[in-house]
Amino acid sequence: MYETNVDGLIERVIVENLHLKPTGRPRFKHDPNTPGKLPTDDAGHLIADVFDGSPELDNLVSQATALNRGAGSEWTEMERAWRDALSDVPPRAVTDIEIEILYDGGKRPIALDVRYEIGGKPDGNHFPNPVPNID
């Protein structure tokens, strides 16, 4: 479930039970034109493609590249923990996901707060979405 504010920006995402995308389903091209996107940003999935997340603007926000992907990305580490839990034998449930997208009056998020459970154990993180220094 996705909730938007009066400006149509995604404010909250709730997923009761996360699942992996069925094997063999192709990755769909996503819309790169997220609101408030800077030249150094990615169009970041709130629920990743590997979890069958939508490639449309209903599931994408402007994310600093360093947050969205790459070495040391805490967002990537969280997604990896979700994927690993769902791939375990037997799988551990990833449930009660709530992502709050925070804005400061603009269209680009300033941070994302994520809460979830893996195997019934609560976890979460605050992810700042910094504007990079462009010199």
N, C-alpha and C. Protein backbone atom coordinates (compact mmCIF):
# COMPACT_ATOMS: atom_id res chain seq x y z
N MET A 1 0.84 -1.17 0.00
CA MET A 1 0.00 0.00 0.00
C MET A 1 0.89 1.24 0.00
N TYR A 2 0.57 2.18 -0.85
CA TYR A 2 1.30 3.44 -0.96
C TYR A 2 0.38 4.58 -0.58
N GLU A 3 0.93 5.54 0.19
CA GLU A 3 0.18 6.74 0.55
C GLU A 3 0.93 7.94 -0.01
N THR A 4 0.18 8.90 -0.55
CA THR A 4 0.78 10.11 -1.08
C THR A 4 0.28 11.33 -0.32
N ASN A 5 1.04 12.42 -0.45
CA ASN A 5 0.61 13.67 0.18
C ASN A 5 -0.21 14.49 -0.82
N VAL A 6 -0.58 15.71 -0.45
CA VAL A 6 -1.42 16.54 -1.31
C VAL A 6 -0.72 16.91 -2.62
N ASP A 7 0.61 16.82 -2.65
CA ASP A 7 1.37 17.11 -3.87
C ASP A 7 1.57 15.87 -4.73
N GLY A 8 1.02 14.73 -4.30
CA GLY A 8 1.16 13.50 -5.06
C GLY A 8 2.47 12.78 -4.84
N LEU A 9 3.26 13.22 -3.85
CA LEU A 9 4.54 12.57 -3.55
C LEU A 9 4.30 11.40 -2.60
N ILE A 10 5.03 10.32 -2.81
CA ILE A 10 4.89 9.15 -1.94
C ILE A 10 5.39 9.51 -0.55
N GLU A 11 4.55 9.28 0.46
CA GLU A 11 4.91 9.55 1.85
C GLU A 11 5.12 8.28 2.67
N ARG A 12 4.42 7.21 2.28
CA ARG A 12 4.52 6.00 3.09
C ARG A 12 4.22 4.79 2.23
N VAL A 13 4.97 3.73 2.51
CA VAL A 13 4.77 2.44 1.85
C VAL A 13 4.62 1.40 2.95
N ILE A 14 3.62 0.55 2.82
CA ILE A 14 3.42 -0.54 3.78
C ILE A 14 3.33 -1.85 3.00
N VAL A 15 4.14 -2.82 3.42
CA VAL A 15 4.10 -4.17 2.83
C VAL A 15 3.97 -5.15 3.99
N GLU A 16 2.88 -5.89 4.02
CA GLU A 16 2.66 -6.85 5.11
C GLU A 16 3.59 -8.05 5.01
N ASN A 17 3.71 -8.64 3.82
CA ASN A 17 4.55 -9.82 3.60
C ASN A 17 5.32 -9.65 2.30
N LEU A 18 6.63 -9.50 2.40
CA LEU A 18 7.47 -9.34 1.22
C LEU A 18 7.68 -10.70 0.57
N HIS A 19 7.84 -10.71 -0.75
CA HIS A 19 8.13 -11.96 -1.46
C HIS A 19 9.13 -11.68 -2.58
N LEU A 20 9.83 -12.72 -2.98
CA LEU A 20 10.74 -12.61 -4.12
C LEU A 20 9.95 -12.67 -5.42
N LYS A 21 10.45 -11.98 -6.42
CA LYS A 21 9.83 -12.02 -7.74
C LYS A 21 9.95 -13.43 -8.29
N PRO A 22 8.91 -13.93 -8.95
CA PRO A 22 8.99 -15.28 -9.52
C PRO A 22 10.17 -15.43 -10.47
N THR A 23 10.84 -16.57 -10.39
CA THR A 23 11.99 -16.86 -11.24
C THR A 23 11.60 -16.75 -12.71
N GLY A 24 12.47 -16.12 -13.48
CA GLY A 24 12.24 -16.00 -14.91
C GLY A 24 11.49 -14.76 -15.34
N ARG A 25 10.89 -14.05 -14.40
CA ARG A 25 10.19 -12.82 -14.78
C ARG A 25 11.24 -11.75 -15.07
N PRO A 26 11.17 -11.11 -16.23
CA PRO A 26 12.20 -10.13 -16.60
C PRO A 26 12.13 -8.86 -15.75
N ARG A 27 13.26 -8.17 -15.72
CA ARG A 27 13.30 -6.86 -15.07
C ARG A 27 12.72 -5.86 -16.05
N PHE A 28 11.75 -5.08 -15.60
CA PHE A 28 11.13 -4.09 -16.46
C PHE A 28 11.88 -2.77 -16.37
N LYS A 29 11.93 -2.06 -17.47
CA LYS A 29 12.56 -0.74 -17.49
C LYS A 29 11.74 0.19 -16.59
N HIS A 30 12.46 0.91 -15.71
CA HIS A 30 11.75 1.80 -14.81
C HIS A 30 11.75 3.23 -15.33
N ASP A 31 10.84 4.02 -14.82
CA ASP A 31 10.72 5.43 -15.19
C ASP A 31 11.81 6.20 -14.46
N PRO A 32 12.76 6.82 -15.17
CA PRO A 32 13.87 7.52 -14.51
C PRO A 32 13.52 8.94 -14.06
N ASN A 33 12.34 9.42 -14.36
CA ASN A 33 11.99 10.82 -14.12
C ASN A 33 11.26 11.03 -12.79
N THR A 34 11.96 10.76 -11.69
CA THR A 34 11.36 10.92 -10.37
C THR A 34 11.32 12.40 -9.97
N PRO A 35 10.32 12.79 -9.18
CA PRO A 35 10.20 14.19 -8.76
C PRO A 35 11.43 14.67 -7.99
N GLY A 36 11.90 15.87 -8.34
CA GLY A 36 13.01 16.49 -7.63
C GLY A 36 14.37 15.89 -7.92
N LYS A 37 14.47 15.06 -8.92
CA LYS A 37 15.72 14.32 -9.20
C LYS A 37 16.84 15.27 -9.62
N LEU A 38 18.01 15.07 -8.98
CA LEU A 38 19.22 15.81 -9.33
C LEU A 38 20.02 14.99 -10.34
N PRO A 39 20.94 15.62 -11.08
CA PRO A 39 21.74 14.87 -12.06
C PRO A 39 22.54 13.72 -11.43
N THR A 40 22.85 13.82 -10.15
CA THR A 40 23.63 12.78 -9.47
C THR A 40 22.76 11.75 -8.76
N ASP A 41 21.45 11.83 -8.91
CA ASP A 41 20.52 10.91 -8.24
C ASP A 41 20.18 9.71 -9.12
N ASP A 42 19.72 8.67 -8.46
CA ASP A 42 19.08 7.53 -9.12
C ASP A 42 17.57 7.64 -8.91
N ALA A 43 16.83 6.99 -9.78
CA ALA A 43 15.40 6.76 -9.53
C ALA A 43 15.36 5.47 -8.73
N GLY A 44 15.30 5.60 -7.40
CA GLY A 44 15.43 4.45 -6.51
C GLY A 44 14.11 3.78 -6.21
N HIS A 45 14.10 2.46 -6.33
CA HIS A 45 12.90 1.68 -5.97
C HIS A 45 12.72 1.67 -4.46
N LEU A 46 11.52 1.91 -3.99
CA LEU A 46 11.22 1.74 -2.57
C LEU A 46 11.12 0.26 -2.25
N ILE A 47 10.45 -0.50 -3.10
CA ILE A 47 10.44 -1.96 -3.03
C ILE A 47 11.14 -2.43 -4.31
N ALA A 48 12.30 -3.05 -4.14
CA ALA A 48 13.18 -3.39 -5.27
C ALA A 48 12.53 -4.35 -6.26
N ASP A 49 13.06 -4.32 -7.47
CA ASP A 49 12.60 -5.21 -8.54
C ASP A 49 12.66 -6.67 -8.12
N VAL A 50 13.70 -7.06 -7.39
CA VAL A 50 13.85 -8.45 -6.95
C VAL A 50 12.69 -8.91 -6.07
N PHE A 51 11.98 -7.95 -5.47
CA PHE A 51 10.80 -8.25 -4.65
C PHE A 51 9.51 -7.95 -5.41
N ASP A 52 9.62 -7.86 -6.72
CA ASP A 52 8.49 -7.62 -7.61
C ASP A 52 7.92 -6.20 -7.45
N GLY A 53 8.81 -5.26 -7.06
CA GLY A 53 8.40 -3.87 -6.93
C GLY A 53 8.11 -3.25 -8.29
N SER A 54 7.18 -2.35 -8.32
CA SER A 54 6.75 -1.68 -9.55
C SER A 54 7.88 -0.84 -10.14
N PRO A 55 8.00 -0.81 -11.49
CA PRO A 55 8.97 0.06 -12.14
C PRO A 55 8.41 1.47 -12.42
N GLU A 56 7.22 1.73 -11.93
CA GLU A 56 6.55 3.01 -12.20
C GLU A 56 6.81 4.02 -11.07
N LEU A 57 6.40 5.25 -11.31
CA LEU A 57 6.61 6.32 -10.33
C LEU A 57 5.88 6.09 -9.02
N ASP A 58 4.97 5.11 -8.98
CA ASP A 58 4.28 4.80 -7.72
C ASP A 58 5.20 4.07 -6.73
N ASN A 59 6.42 3.72 -7.14
CA ASN A 59 7.35 2.97 -6.30
C ASN A 59 8.77 3.54 -6.39
N LEU A 60 8.92 4.72 -6.96
CA LEU A 60 10.25 5.29 -7.18
C LEU A 60 10.34 6.68 -6.57
N VAL A 61 11.51 6.97 -5.97
CA VAL A 61 11.80 8.31 -5.48
C VAL A 61 13.24 8.65 -5.87
N SER A 62 13.55 9.93 -5.87
CA SER A 62 14.91 10.37 -6.15
C SER A 62 15.79 10.03 -4.96
N GLN A 63 16.83 9.23 -5.22
CA GLN A 63 17.76 8.82 -4.17
C GLN A 63 19.18 9.14 -4.60
N ALA A 64 19.98 9.64 -3.66
CA ALA A 64 21.40 9.82 -3.92
C ALA A 64 21.97 8.47 -4.34
N THR A 65 22.82 8.47 -5.37
CA THR A 65 23.40 7.22 -5.86
C THR A 65 24.09 6.46 -4.74
N ALA A 66 24.80 7.16 -3.86
CA ALA A 66 25.51 6.50 -2.76
C ALA A 66 24.55 5.81 -1.80
N LEU A 67 23.33 6.30 -1.68
CA LEU A 67 22.33 5.65 -0.84
C LEU A 67 21.73 4.45 -1.56
N ASN A 68 21.41 4.61 -2.82
CA ASN A 68 20.65 3.61 -3.57
C ASN A 68 21.44 2.35 -3.92
N ARG A 69 22.72 2.50 -4.20
CA ARG A 69 23.47 1.33 -4.69
C ARG A 69 24.96 1.51 -4.43
N GLY A 70 25.67 0.44 -4.66
CA GLY A 70 27.12 0.50 -4.59
C GLY A 70 27.69 0.05 -3.27
N ALA A 71 29.01 -0.02 -3.24
CA ALA A 71 29.74 -0.48 -2.07
C ALA A 71 29.44 0.42 -0.87
N GLY A 72 29.12 -0.20 0.24
CA GLY A 72 28.87 0.53 1.46
C GLY A 72 27.48 1.12 1.59
N SER A 73 26.61 0.88 0.62
CA SER A 73 25.25 1.42 0.69
C SER A 73 24.45 0.65 1.74
N GLU A 74 24.00 1.36 2.77
CA GLU A 74 23.19 0.72 3.81
C GLU A 74 21.84 0.28 3.26
N TRP A 75 21.31 1.00 2.27
CA TRP A 75 20.04 0.62 1.64
C TRP A 75 20.22 -0.73 0.95
N THR A 76 21.32 -0.88 0.21
CA THR A 76 21.62 -2.14 -0.47
C THR A 76 21.79 -3.27 0.54
N GLU A 77 22.44 -2.99 1.65
CA GLU A 77 22.63 -4.00 2.70
C GLU A 77 21.28 -4.45 3.27
N MET A 78 20.36 -3.50 3.47
CA MET A 78 19.04 -3.86 3.97
C MET A 78 18.32 -4.76 2.96
N GLU A 79 18.35 -4.37 1.69
CA GLU A 79 17.71 -5.19 0.66
C GLU A 79 18.34 -6.58 0.58
N ARG A 80 19.66 -6.65 0.76
CA ARG A 80 20.36 -7.95 0.75
C ARG A 80 19.90 -8.81 1.93
N ALA A 81 19.73 -8.19 3.10
CA ALA A 81 19.25 -8.94 4.27
C ALA A 81 17.85 -9.49 4.01
N TRP A 82 16.99 -8.70 3.37
CA TRP A 82 15.65 -9.16 3.03
C TRP A 82 15.72 -10.33 2.06
N ARG A 83 16.53 -10.19 1.01
CA ARG A 83 16.66 -11.25 0.00
C ARG A 83 17.22 -12.52 0.62
N ASP A 84 18.25 -12.38 1.45
CA ASP A 84 18.86 -13.55 2.10
C ASP A 84 17.85 -14.27 2.98
N ALA A 85 17.06 -13.51 3.75
CA ALA A 85 16.06 -14.12 4.63
C ALA A 85 15.03 -14.90 3.82
N LEU A 86 14.58 -14.32 2.72
CA LEU A 86 13.57 -14.98 1.89
C LEU A 86 14.14 -16.17 1.12
N SER A 87 15.47 -16.19 0.95
CA SER A 87 16.13 -17.28 0.22
C SER A 87 16.59 -18.40 1.14
N ASP A 88 16.58 -18.16 2.45
CA ASP A 88 16.98 -19.20 3.41
C ASP A 88 16.10 -20.43 3.26
N VAL A 89 16.64 -21.58 3.67
CA VAL A 89 15.85 -22.82 3.70
C VAL A 89 15.78 -23.27 5.14
N PRO A 90 14.61 -23.25 5.77
CA PRO A 90 13.36 -22.66 5.26
C PRO A 90 13.45 -21.14 5.26
N PRO A 91 12.64 -20.49 4.43
CA PRO A 91 12.69 -19.03 4.36
C PRO A 91 12.24 -18.39 5.68
N ARG A 92 12.86 -17.26 5.99
CA ARG A 92 12.42 -16.44 7.12
C ARG A 92 11.54 -15.33 6.55
N ALA A 93 10.41 -15.11 7.17
CA ALA A 93 9.46 -14.11 6.68
C ALA A 93 10.01 -12.70 6.88
N VAL A 94 9.81 -11.86 5.89
CA VAL A 94 10.10 -10.43 5.98
C VAL A 94 8.74 -9.74 5.95
N THR A 95 8.37 -9.16 7.10
CA THR A 95 7.00 -8.66 7.27
C THR A 95 6.97 -7.26 7.86
N ASP A 96 5.79 -6.72 7.87
CA ASP A 96 5.50 -5.44 8.53
C ASP A 96 6.46 -4.33 8.12
N ILE A 97 6.74 -4.28 6.82
CA ILE A 97 7.61 -3.22 6.30
C ILE A 97 6.82 -1.92 6.25
N GLU A 98 7.41 -0.88 6.80
CA GLU A 98 6.84 0.46 6.69
C GLU A 98 7.98 1.41 6.34
N ILE A 99 7.84 2.08 5.22
CA ILE A 99 8.83 3.05 4.76
C ILE A 99 8.16 4.42 4.79
N GLU A 100 8.73 5.32 5.57
CA GLU A 100 8.25 6.71 5.61
C GLU A 100 9.25 7.56 4.83
N ILE A 101 8.74 8.29 3.86
CA ILE A 101 9.58 9.15 3.03
C ILE A 101 9.41 10.57 3.55
N LEU A 102 10.52 11.20 3.93
CA LEU A 102 10.49 12.51 4.57
C LEU A 102 10.93 13.60 3.59
N TYR A 103 10.19 14.71 3.58
CA TYR A 103 10.47 15.84 2.71
C TYR A 103 10.63 17.10 3.56
N ASP A 104 11.29 18.11 2.99
CA ASP A 104 11.42 19.39 3.70
C ASP A 104 10.78 20.53 2.92
N GLY A 105 9.73 20.21 2.17
CA GLY A 105 9.05 21.21 1.36
C GLY A 105 9.32 21.07 -0.13
N GLY A 106 10.38 20.33 -0.49
CA GLY A 106 10.68 20.09 -1.90
C GLY A 106 10.11 18.76 -2.36
N LYS A 107 10.47 18.38 -3.58
CA LYS A 107 9.97 17.13 -4.15
C LYS A 107 10.94 15.97 -3.97
N ARG A 108 12.19 16.29 -3.56
CA ARG A 108 13.20 15.26 -3.35
C ARG A 108 13.23 14.89 -1.87
N PRO A 109 13.14 13.59 -1.55
CA PRO A 109 13.17 13.20 -0.14
C PRO A 109 14.48 13.62 0.54
N ILE A 110 14.38 13.99 1.81
CA ILE A 110 15.59 14.28 2.58
C ILE A 110 16.04 13.05 3.37
N ALA A 111 15.13 12.10 3.57
CA ALA A 111 15.47 10.88 4.30
C ALA A 111 14.34 9.86 4.15
N LEU A 112 14.68 8.62 4.49
CA LEU A 112 13.70 7.54 4.50
C LEU A 112 13.86 6.79 5.81
N ASP A 113 12.76 6.59 6.53
CA ASP A 113 12.75 5.80 7.76
C ASP A 113 12.09 4.47 7.45
N VAL A 114 12.79 3.38 7.76
CA VAL A 114 12.29 2.05 7.42
C VAL A 114 12.22 1.20 8.68
N ARG A 115 11.08 0.55 8.86
CA ARG A 115 10.89 -0.42 9.95
C ARG A 115 10.38 -1.71 9.32
N TYR A 116 10.83 -2.85 9.87
CA TYR A 116 10.43 -4.15 9.33
C TYR A 116 10.76 -5.23 10.34
N GLU A 117 10.32 -6.44 10.04
CA GLU A 117 10.67 -7.61 10.85
C GLU A 117 11.19 -8.70 9.94
N ILE A 118 12.23 -9.38 10.41
CA ILE A 118 12.74 -10.58 9.74
C ILE A 118 12.61 -11.72 10.73
N GLY A 119 11.81 -12.71 10.35
CA GLY A 119 11.59 -13.85 11.24
C GLY A 119 11.01 -13.45 12.58
N GLY A 120 10.19 -12.39 12.60
CA GLY A 120 9.56 -11.93 13.82
C GLY A 120 10.41 -10.99 14.65
N LYS A 121 11.64 -10.72 14.21
CA LYS A 121 12.56 -9.86 14.96
C LYS A 121 12.55 -8.44 14.35
N PRO A 122 12.14 -7.43 15.13
CA PRO A 122 12.06 -6.07 14.61
C PRO A 122 13.44 -5.49 14.26
N ASP A 123 13.46 -4.69 13.22
CA ASP A 123 14.68 -4.00 12.79
C ASP A 123 14.26 -2.74 12.05
N GLY A 124 15.22 -1.94 11.68
CA GLY A 124 14.92 -0.73 10.93
C GLY A 124 16.12 0.17 10.86
N ASN A 125 15.96 1.27 10.14
CA ASN A 125 17.05 2.21 9.98
C ASN A 125 16.52 3.54 9.48
N HIS A 126 17.30 4.59 9.74
CA HIS A 126 17.05 5.92 9.20
C HIS A 126 18.09 6.14 8.11
N PHE A 127 17.63 6.46 6.90
CA PHE A 127 18.51 6.64 5.76
C PHE A 127 18.47 8.08 5.28
N PRO A 128 19.47 8.90 5.63
CA PRO A 128 19.53 10.25 5.06
C PRO A 128 19.71 10.15 3.54
N ASN A 129 19.16 11.10 2.83
CA ASN A 129 19.29 11.16 1.37
C ASN A 129 20.02 12.46 1.03
N PRO A 130 21.34 12.46 1.24
CA PRO A 130 22.09 13.71 1.14
C PRO A 130 22.17 14.25 -0.28
N VAL A 131 22.24 15.57 -0.37
CA VAL A 131 22.52 16.22 -1.64
C VAL A 131 24.04 16.25 -1.76
N PRO A 132 24.59 15.63 -2.81
CA PRO A 132 26.05 15.58 -2.93
C PRO A 132 26.64 16.95 -3.22
N ASN A 133 27.90 17.11 -2.83
CA ASN A 133 28.65 18.31 -3.15
C ASN A 133 28.99 18.27 -4.64
N ILE A 134 28.52 19.21 -5.38
CA ILE A 134 28.81 19.26 -6.82
C ILE A 134 29.65 20.52 -7.07
N ASP A 135 30.92 20.30 -7.30
CA ASP A 135 31.83 21.45 -7.56
C ASP A 135 32.31 21.45 -8.98
